[in-house]
């Protein structure tokens, strides 16, 4: 299942690395015995920030593109989560499932060495159910800033729910994408679920990046053309930027190859690069965020793309992090108490040693600092200083756009 070891109502709208994997397989299988723990329902707290966050789900269908992985000929359809910043004074909190049952069951099975069966199904999100106040928009002007997110290979978009909420609480509308037959499981609005295909060789992964990029491009087009996908009351979308974890990070950069005026910049969260971007580079600003052992020296795909790219580019690493830090897993381990006691050392190999309750805030601050200052055309020195002031962050390399030198 590819990168699974790399972790990696208003609520519904119908819009008709190998070494890391080996480490995951060897960690804590004999050290953790959690099957006797009683699973209790747990509502995950809302993130702090200037805004509350509302959530809607959307299913969109690309009728001009066949799904290359589906067993029968059919249009490509995608599931999205849309996290929107919303004024606190216009919110009433409600709870929604963290994952639908089929996806939660797949995650319970995947993380059986760590958690008792039923853990992921027991989780809920606390989100804003905005009140209808005539003549008053529940969303701030900043809701016009859109961030489109792609998950790691094999991972569900839902594994990044709380991270997406932390970013949205800073004023971004965050759209997370499921890539069907790539994610471990995708449940659509009609209740049907599709499961992951075997995507494991370099050739298969190269091809999958092209499929993912087409998915992301379709979402970007929908954002531009259909305001019901990003409900901002008819306001013009101010900017679109891309973000992804692992293979999602490769996807976020790959779409910049098109030099599309719609997309301002991209962030890659700890993802090895695949496809033409490795040798061609990209013409727009991008940020590479690596774990403490992932950088231009350790990853030749990063070094090649960095040297070939012509826009502003920054490479940094996050101390005390591992590949799985860049997901909800550290937060979930902390909030459920799994990072305490005898399991904490073993879990550190999976989620890193930054306190789990701090990870989402740290990553949201990184994303917001880059996206806000890139959009405001801040000087590179000021941008790098701001990024380097965030705890656990070490800036390794940065280069001005060649056109501005």
Protein backbone atom coordinates (compact mmCIF):
# COMPACT_ATOMS: atom_id res chain seq x y z
CA UNK A 1 0.00 0.00 0.00
CA UNK A 2 2.79 2.36 -0.86
CA UNK A 3 3.28 5.04 1.73
CA UNK A 4 0.91 3.90 4.44
CA UNK A 5 3.94 3.42 6.64
CA UNK A 6 4.99 6.97 5.83
CA UNK A 7 2.38 8.68 7.78
CA UNK A 8 1.52 8.73 6.86
CA UNK A 9 -26.19 18.89 6.16
CA UNK A 10 -23.79 21.83 5.65
CA UNK A 11 -21.44 18.90 6.29
CA UNK A 12 -22.17 17.33 2.87
CA UNK A 13 -22.38 18.87 -0.59
CA UNK A 14 -22.75 16.93 -3.82
CA UNK A 15 -21.25 18.81 -6.80
CA UNK A 16 -21.97 16.37 -9.52
CA UNK A 17 10.02 6.21 0.99
CA UNK A 18 11.26 2.44 1.25
CA UNK A 19 13.66 2.96 4.23
CA UNK A 20 10.89 4.63 6.18
CA UNK A 21 8.57 1.75 5.41
CA UNK A 22 11.07 -0.79 6.71
CA UNK A 23 11.47 1.20 9.90
CA UNK A 24 7.71 1.34 10.37
CA UNK A 25 7.38 -2.42 9.96
CA UNK A 26 9.99 -3.11 12.62
CA UNK A 27 8.83 -0.62 15.25
CA UNK A 28 6.99 -1.63 18.41
CA UNK A 29 5.33 -4.76 17.09
CA UNK A 30 6.48 -6.56 20.22
CA UNK A 31 6.47 -3.56 22.53
CA UNK A 32 2.83 -2.49 22.55
CA UNK A 33 -0.15 -4.45 23.78
CA UNK A 34 -3.15 -2.12 23.59
CA UNK A 35 -5.95 -4.43 22.59
CA UNK A 36 -7.32 -4.49 26.13
CA UNK A 37 -7.74 -0.71 26.31
CA UNK A 38 -11.35 0.41 26.34
CA UNK A 39 -12.06 2.71 23.41
CA UNK A 40 -14.17 5.69 24.41
CA UNK A 41 -15.67 8.38 22.22
CA UNK A 42 -13.41 11.42 22.04
CA UNK A 43 -14.16 14.85 20.59
CA UNK A 44 -10.98 16.47 19.30
CA UNK A 45 -10.73 20.11 20.42
CA UNK A 46 -10.94 23.01 18.00
CA UNK A 47 -7.61 24.69 17.21
CA UNK A 48 -6.78 28.10 18.67
CA UNK A 49 -6.68 31.01 16.28
CA UNK A 50 -8.40 34.20 15.20
CA UNK A 51 -11.15 32.19 13.46
CA UNK A 52 -13.35 29.24 14.14
CA UNK A 53 -13.49 26.60 11.41
CA UNK A 54 -16.47 25.19 9.55
CA UNK A 55 -16.35 22.00 7.50
CA UNK A 56 -18.17 20.81 4.41
CA UNK A 57 -17.69 17.75 2.24
CA UNK A 58 -17.94 17.72 -1.53
CA UNK A 59 -17.88 15.07 -4.23
CA UNK A 60 -16.86 16.39 -7.63
CA UNK A 61 -16.82 14.50 -10.94
CA UNK A 62 -14.45 15.17 -13.83
CA UNK A 63 -16.68 14.01 -16.68
CA UNK A 64 -13.93 14.68 -19.26
CA UNK A 65 -11.44 12.25 -17.69
CA UNK A 66 -11.73 8.51 -17.17
CA UNK A 67 -10.52 7.10 -13.87
CA UNK A 68 -7.35 5.20 -14.82
CA UNK A 69 -7.54 2.95 -11.75
CA UNK A 70 -11.23 2.05 -11.69
CA UNK A 71 -12.05 -1.55 -12.68
CA UNK A 72 -14.73 -0.31 -15.10
CA UNK A 73 -14.79 2.70 -17.40
CA UNK A 74 -16.11 5.68 -15.44
CA UNK A 75 -15.38 9.37 -14.95
CA UNK A 76 -12.85 10.30 -12.30
CA UNK A 77 -14.59 11.43 -9.11
CA UNK A 78 -12.99 12.96 -6.05
CA UNK A 79 -13.90 13.48 -2.41
CA UNK A 80 -12.95 16.78 -0.80
CA UNK A 81 -13.06 18.32 2.65
CA UNK A 82 -13.38 22.13 2.75
CA UNK A 83 -12.27 23.83 5.97
CA UNK A 84 -13.36 27.47 6.06
CA UNK A 85 -12.39 30.19 8.56
CA UNK A 86 -15.49 31.57 10.23
CA UNK A 87 -16.13 34.36 12.71
CA UNK A 88 -16.22 33.06 16.27
CA UNK A 89 -19.20 35.23 17.18
CA UNK A 90 -21.32 33.63 14.45
CA UNK A 91 -20.54 30.02 15.36
CA UNK A 92 -22.27 27.26 17.21
CA UNK A 93 -20.09 24.19 17.60
CA UNK A 94 -21.20 20.80 16.40
CA UNK A 95 -19.42 17.44 16.14
CA UNK A 96 -18.81 15.35 13.02
CA UNK A 97 -17.01 12.02 12.63
CA UNK A 98 -13.26 12.21 12.16
CA UNK A 99 -13.58 9.48 9.52
CA UNK A 100 -16.49 7.49 8.06
CA UNK A 101 -16.63 3.92 9.31
CA UNK A 102 -14.98 2.14 6.32
CA UNK A 103 -11.98 4.50 6.36
CA UNK A 104 -11.73 4.35 10.16
CA UNK A 105 -11.74 0.55 10.05
CA UNK A 106 -8.93 0.60 7.48
CA UNK A 107 -6.90 2.88 9.75
CA UNK A 108 -7.60 0.76 12.83
CA UNK A 109 -6.26 -2.25 10.96
CA UNK A 110 -3.24 -0.33 9.69
CA UNK A 111 -2.30 0.90 13.16
CA UNK A 112 -3.31 -2.21 15.09
CA UNK A 113 0.13 -2.46 16.75
CA UNK A 114 -0.43 0.97 18.25
CA UNK A 115 -4.12 1.35 19.00
CA UNK A 116 -7.11 -0.85 19.88
CA UNK A 117 -9.67 -1.60 17.21
CA UNK A 118 -12.30 1.14 17.17
CA UNK A 119 -9.93 4.01 17.94
CA UNK A 120 -10.30 5.98 14.72
CA UNK A 121 -14.04 5.38 14.58
CA UNK A 122 -14.35 6.79 18.12
CA UNK A 123 -12.93 10.19 17.15
CA UNK A 124 -14.98 13.28 16.28
CA UNK A 125 -14.13 16.81 15.23
CA UNK A 126 -15.59 19.90 16.87
CA UNK A 127 -16.41 22.32 14.05
CA UNK A 128 -18.38 25.50 13.60
CA UNK A 129 -21.97 25.23 12.43
CA UNK A 130 -22.40 28.89 11.52
CA UNK A 131 -25.66 30.58 12.35
CA UNK A 132 -27.63 32.17 9.54
CA UNK A 133 -27.70 35.90 10.28
CA UNK A 134 -29.37 37.87 7.53
CA UNK A 135 -27.07 40.28 5.75
CA UNK A 136 -23.97 39.08 7.62
CA UNK A 137 -21.27 36.93 6.09
CA UNK A 138 -20.06 34.26 8.55
CA UNK A 139 -16.69 34.09 6.78
CA UNK A 140 -13.93 36.71 6.81
CA UNK A 141 -12.37 38.30 3.77
CA UNK A 142 -9.42 35.94 4.26
CA UNK A 143 -11.67 33.05 3.20
CA UNK A 144 -10.74 34.07 -0.35
CA UNK A 145 -7.21 32.73 0.24
CA UNK A 146 -7.36 29.08 -0.78
CA UNK A 147 -4.91 26.29 -0.01
CA UNK A 148 -5.31 22.98 -1.87
CA UNK A 149 -3.79 19.98 -0.07
CA UNK A 150 -2.74 16.53 -1.33
CA UNK A 151 -1.97 13.67 1.13
CA UNK A 152 0.83 11.11 1.06
CA UNK A 153 0.67 7.99 -1.08
CA UNK A 154 -1.76 5.53 0.51
CA UNK A 155 -2.99 8.09 3.02
CA UNK A 156 -6.53 9.39 3.39
CA UNK A 157 -7.10 13.13 3.23
CA UNK A 158 -8.84 12.64 6.59
CA UNK A 159 -5.54 11.83 8.28
CA UNK A 160 -4.80 15.56 8.02
CA UNK A 161 -8.10 16.92 9.38
CA UNK A 162 -6.75 18.62 12.50
CA UNK A 163 -3.73 20.03 10.66
CA UNK A 164 -6.05 21.48 8.02
CA UNK A 165 -8.21 23.00 10.76
CA UNK A 166 -5.17 24.60 12.42
CA UNK A 167 -4.26 26.27 9.11
CA UNK A 168 -7.86 27.33 8.45
CA UNK A 169 -8.03 28.93 11.90
CA UNK A 170 -5.38 31.37 10.68
CA UNK A 171 -7.64 32.58 7.87
CA UNK A 172 -7.14 30.11 5.02
CA UNK A 173 -9.78 28.09 3.22
CA UNK A 174 -8.16 24.64 3.09
CA UNK A 175 -9.35 22.01 0.60
CA UNK A 176 -8.02 18.50 1.16
CA UNK A 177 -8.24 15.96 -1.67
CA UNK A 178 -8.66 12.18 -1.64
CA UNK A 179 -7.07 10.43 -4.62
CA UNK A 180 -9.24 7.31 -5.17
CA UNK A 181 -7.43 3.95 -5.53
CA UNK A 182 -4.34 5.67 -4.09
CA UNK A 183 -5.70 6.37 -0.59
CA UNK A 184 -6.17 3.30 1.62
CA UNK A 185 -9.92 3.88 1.44
CA UNK A 186 -12.23 6.57 0.05
CA UNK A 187 -15.90 6.70 1.02
CA UNK A 188 -18.13 8.75 -1.29
CA UNK A 189 -21.31 10.60 -0.39
CA UNK A 190 -23.48 7.70 -1.58
CA UNK A 191 -21.75 5.41 0.91
CA UNK A 192 -19.67 3.45 -1.59
CA UNK A 193 -16.03 2.86 -0.69
CA UNK A 194 -13.06 2.15 -2.96
CA UNK A 195 -9.76 0.79 -1.70
CA UNK A 196 -6.12 1.26 -2.67
CA UNK A 197 -4.57 -0.24 -5.77
CA UNK A 198 -1.00 -1.51 -5.74
CA UNK A 199 1.14 1.56 -6.47
CA UNK A 200 4.66 0.72 -5.43
CA UNK A 201 7.24 0.79 -8.24
CA UNK A 202 8.95 4.01 -9.34
CA UNK A 203 7.19 3.82 -12.70
CA UNK A 204 3.81 3.41 -11.00
CA UNK A 205 4.55 6.29 -8.65
CA UNK A 206 5.67 8.55 -11.52
CA UNK A 207 2.38 7.82 -13.26
CA UNK A 208 0.43 8.32 -10.05
CA UNK A 209 1.91 11.81 -9.65
CA UNK A 210 0.51 12.69 -13.08
CA UNK A 211 -2.92 11.41 -12.02
CA UNK A 212 -2.74 13.31 -8.74
CA UNK A 213 -1.68 16.49 -10.53
CA UNK A 214 -4.68 16.18 -12.85
CA UNK A 215 -6.87 15.76 -9.75
CA UNK A 216 -5.41 18.90 -8.20
CA UNK A 217 -5.76 20.85 -11.43
CA UNK A 218 -9.44 19.87 -11.62
CA UNK A 219 -9.99 21.09 -8.06
CA UNK A 220 -8.23 24.40 -8.82
CA UNK A 221 -10.44 24.86 -11.87
CA UNK A 222 -13.53 24.18 -9.78
CA UNK A 223 -12.42 26.73 -7.19
CA UNK A 224 -12.17 29.33 -9.92
CA UNK A 225 -15.43 28.40 -11.66
CA UNK A 226 -17.79 27.31 -8.91
CA UNK A 227 -18.22 29.44 -5.79
CA UNK A 228 -20.44 26.77 -4.22
CA UNK A 229 -17.33 24.62 -3.81
CA UNK A 230 -15.66 27.35 -1.76
CA UNK A 231 -18.62 29.24 -0.29
CA UNK A 232 -17.37 32.82 -0.06
CA UNK A 233 -20.60 34.57 -0.92
CA UNK A 234 -19.58 35.45 -4.45
CA UNK A 235 -16.28 37.09 -3.49
CA UNK A 236 -13.39 36.68 -5.89
CA UNK A 237 -10.77 34.10 -4.90
CA UNK A 238 -7.75 36.17 -3.94
CA UNK A 239 -5.05 33.51 -4.22
CA UNK A 240 -4.58 29.76 -4.59
CA UNK A 241 -1.54 27.93 -3.26
CA UNK A 242 -0.75 24.23 -2.99
CA UNK A 243 0.51 22.05 -0.16
CA UNK A 244 1.14 18.35 0.23
CA UNK A 245 2.72 15.72 2.42
CA UNK A 246 5.17 13.19 0.98
CA UNK A 247 3.90 12.23 -2.51
CA UNK A 248 1.34 14.99 -2.01
CA UNK A 249 4.28 17.37 -1.71
CA UNK A 250 5.59 16.12 -5.04
CA UNK A 251 2.10 16.74 -6.45
CA UNK A 252 2.00 20.27 -5.05
CA UNK A 253 5.22 21.12 -6.89
CA UNK A 254 4.39 19.22 -10.06
CA UNK A 255 1.38 21.42 -10.76
CA UNK A 256 3.67 24.46 -10.76
CA UNK A 257 5.35 23.09 -13.88
CA UNK A 258 2.33 24.34 -15.81
CA UNK A 259 3.24 27.89 -14.75
CA UNK A 260 -0.44 28.46 -14.20
CA UNK A 261 -1.25 32.01 -13.15
CA UNK A 262 -3.92 30.61 -10.81
CA UNK A 263 -1.34 29.12 -8.42
CA UNK A 264 0.97 31.42 -6.50
CA UNK A 265 3.35 28.99 -4.76
CA UNK A 266 3.70 25.53 -3.24
CA UNK A 267 4.91 23.77 -0.08
CA UNK A 268 6.30 20.23 -0.01
CA UNK A 269 6.09 18.56 3.41
CA UNK A 270 8.92 16.01 3.46
CA UNK A 271 8.19 14.41 0.09
CA UNK A 272 10.68 12.86 -2.31
CA UNK A 273 10.05 14.20 -5.80
CA UNK A 274 9.03 12.19 -8.86
CA UNK A 275 8.41 12.92 -12.51
CA UNK A 276 9.62 15.76 -14.73
CA UNK A 277 9.85 18.30 -11.90
CA UNK A 278 13.04 16.57 -10.71
CA UNK A 279 15.03 17.68 -13.77
CA UNK A 280 12.92 20.57 -15.08
CA UNK A 281 12.40 22.42 -11.80
CA UNK A 282 9.56 24.93 -11.48
CA UNK A 283 9.25 28.64 -12.31
CA UNK A 284 7.36 29.70 -9.18
CA UNK A 285 8.16 30.05 -5.46
CA UNK A 286 8.26 26.88 -3.37
CA UNK A 287 9.20 25.79 0.13
CA UNK A 288 10.74 22.41 0.96
CA UNK A 289 10.08 21.36 4.58
CA UNK A 290 12.00 18.25 5.58
CA UNK A 291 12.33 16.16 8.69
CA UNK A 292 15.60 16.57 10.56
CA UNK A 293 17.37 14.11 8.24
CA UNK A 294 15.77 15.17 4.93
CA UNK A 295 17.47 17.95 2.97
CA UNK A 296 19.18 18.80 -0.31
CA UNK A 297 22.19 16.69 0.66
CA UNK A 298 20.27 13.55 1.60
CA UNK A 299 17.70 13.69 -1.22
CA UNK A 300 19.08 14.05 -4.77
CA UNK A 301 15.58 14.71 -6.14
CA UNK A 302 15.36 17.79 -3.94
CA UNK A 303 18.81 19.01 -4.98
CA UNK A 304 18.08 18.51 -8.68
CA UNK A 305 14.71 20.28 -8.63
CA UNK A 306 16.05 23.07 -6.41
CA UNK A 307 18.98 23.79 -8.75
CA UNK A 308 16.79 23.68 -11.87
CA UNK A 309 14.06 25.97 -10.51
CA UNK A 310 14.00 29.65 -11.33
CA UNK A 311 11.64 31.10 -8.72
CA UNK A 312 12.15 31.92 -5.06
CA UNK A 313 12.98 28.71 -3.17
CA UNK A 314 13.64 27.85 0.45
CA UNK A 315 14.78 24.58 2.01
CA UNK A 316 14.39 24.06 5.76
CA UNK A 317 14.14 21.22 8.23
CA UNK A 318 12.20 20.71 11.42
CA UNK A 319 14.25 19.45 14.37
CA UNK A 320 12.95 16.41 16.28
CA UNK A 321 10.61 15.49 13.42
CA UNK A 322 10.23 12.35 11.29
CA UNK A 323 8.18 11.67 8.19
CA UNK A 324 5.00 11.00 10.17
CA UNK A 325 5.25 14.30 12.06
CA UNK A 326 3.63 16.05 9.10
CA UNK A 327 0.16 14.59 9.68
CA UNK A 328 -2.43 14.34 12.46
CA UNK A 329 -0.65 11.39 14.07
CA UNK A 330 1.41 13.34 16.66
CA UNK A 331 -1.69 15.26 17.76
CA UNK A 332 -3.82 12.10 17.94
CA UNK A 333 -1.13 10.25 19.91
CA UNK A 334 -1.01 13.09 22.41
CA UNK A 335 -4.73 13.69 22.76
CA UNK A 336 -5.45 9.98 23.28
CA UNK A 337 -2.57 9.58 25.74
CA UNK A 338 -0.66 7.11 23.57
CA UNK A 339 2.52 9.19 23.74
CA UNK A 340 2.84 8.56 27.47
CA UNK A 341 4.37 5.64 29.32
CA UNK A 342 6.03 2.65 27.71
CA UNK A 343 4.96 3.48 24.16
CA UNK A 344 6.42 6.98 23.97
CA UNK A 345 9.90 5.97 22.76
CA UNK A 346 8.54 3.66 20.05
CA UNK A 347 5.93 6.18 18.92
CA UNK A 348 8.69 8.77 18.65
CA UNK A 349 10.10 6.78 15.75
CA UNK A 350 6.75 7.12 13.99
CA UNK A 351 5.64 10.64 14.89
CA UNK A 352 8.80 12.39 16.15
CA UNK A 353 9.55 13.84 19.58
CA UNK A 354 8.06 17.32 19.30
CA UNK A 355 5.20 17.42 21.86
CA UNK A 356 2.17 16.24 19.90
CA UNK A 357 -0.07 19.07 21.04
CA UNK A 358 2.41 21.58 19.57
CA UNK A 359 2.90 20.05 16.12
CA UNK A 360 -0.21 21.36 14.37
CA UNK A 361 0.43 24.88 15.62
CA UNK A 362 4.06 24.76 14.50
CA UNK A 363 3.19 23.50 11.02
CA UNK A 364 0.28 25.92 10.67
CA UNK A 365 2.63 28.78 11.58
CA UNK A 366 5.13 27.64 8.95
CA UNK A 367 2.45 27.39 6.27
CA UNK A 368 0.85 30.73 7.17
CA UNK A 369 4.21 32.53 7.31
CA UNK A 370 5.24 31.27 3.87
CA UNK A 371 1.88 31.68 2.17
CA UNK A 372 1.11 35.12 3.61
CA UNK A 373 4.50 36.65 2.91
CA UNK A 374 4.85 35.06 -0.52
CA UNK A 375 1.45 36.48 -1.44
CA UNK A 376 2.46 39.91 -0.10
CA UNK A 377 5.74 39.79 -2.08
CA UNK A 378 7.87 40.21 1.06
CA UNK A 379 11.62 40.35 0.58
CA UNK A 380 13.31 36.97 0.72
CA UNK A 381 15.51 37.96 3.67
CA UNK A 382 12.48 38.98 5.72
CA UNK A 383 10.67 35.78 4.75
CA UNK A 384 13.62 33.60 5.74
CA UNK A 385 14.02 35.46 9.04
CA UNK A 386 10.35 34.91 9.85
CA UNK A 387 10.53 31.20 8.98
CA UNK A 388 13.72 30.72 11.00
CA UNK A 389 12.16 32.31 14.08
CA UNK A 390 9.61 29.48 14.40
CA UNK A 391 10.57 26.88 17.04
CA UNK A 392 12.30 23.72 15.79
CA UNK A 393 12.93 25.27 12.36
CA UNK A 394 16.38 25.46 10.76
CA UNK A 395 16.61 27.18 7.36
CA UNK A 396 19.23 25.36 5.28
CA UNK A 397 19.14 27.04 1.87
CA UNK A 398 17.35 29.88 0.13
CA UNK A 399 17.68 31.51 -3.28
CA UNK A 400 16.14 34.55 -4.88
CA UNK A 401 14.25 34.30 -8.16
CA UNK A 402 16.68 34.39 -11.09
CA UNK A 403 14.68 37.19 -12.68
CA UNK A 404 15.20 39.34 -9.56
CA UNK A 405 18.90 38.81 -9.10
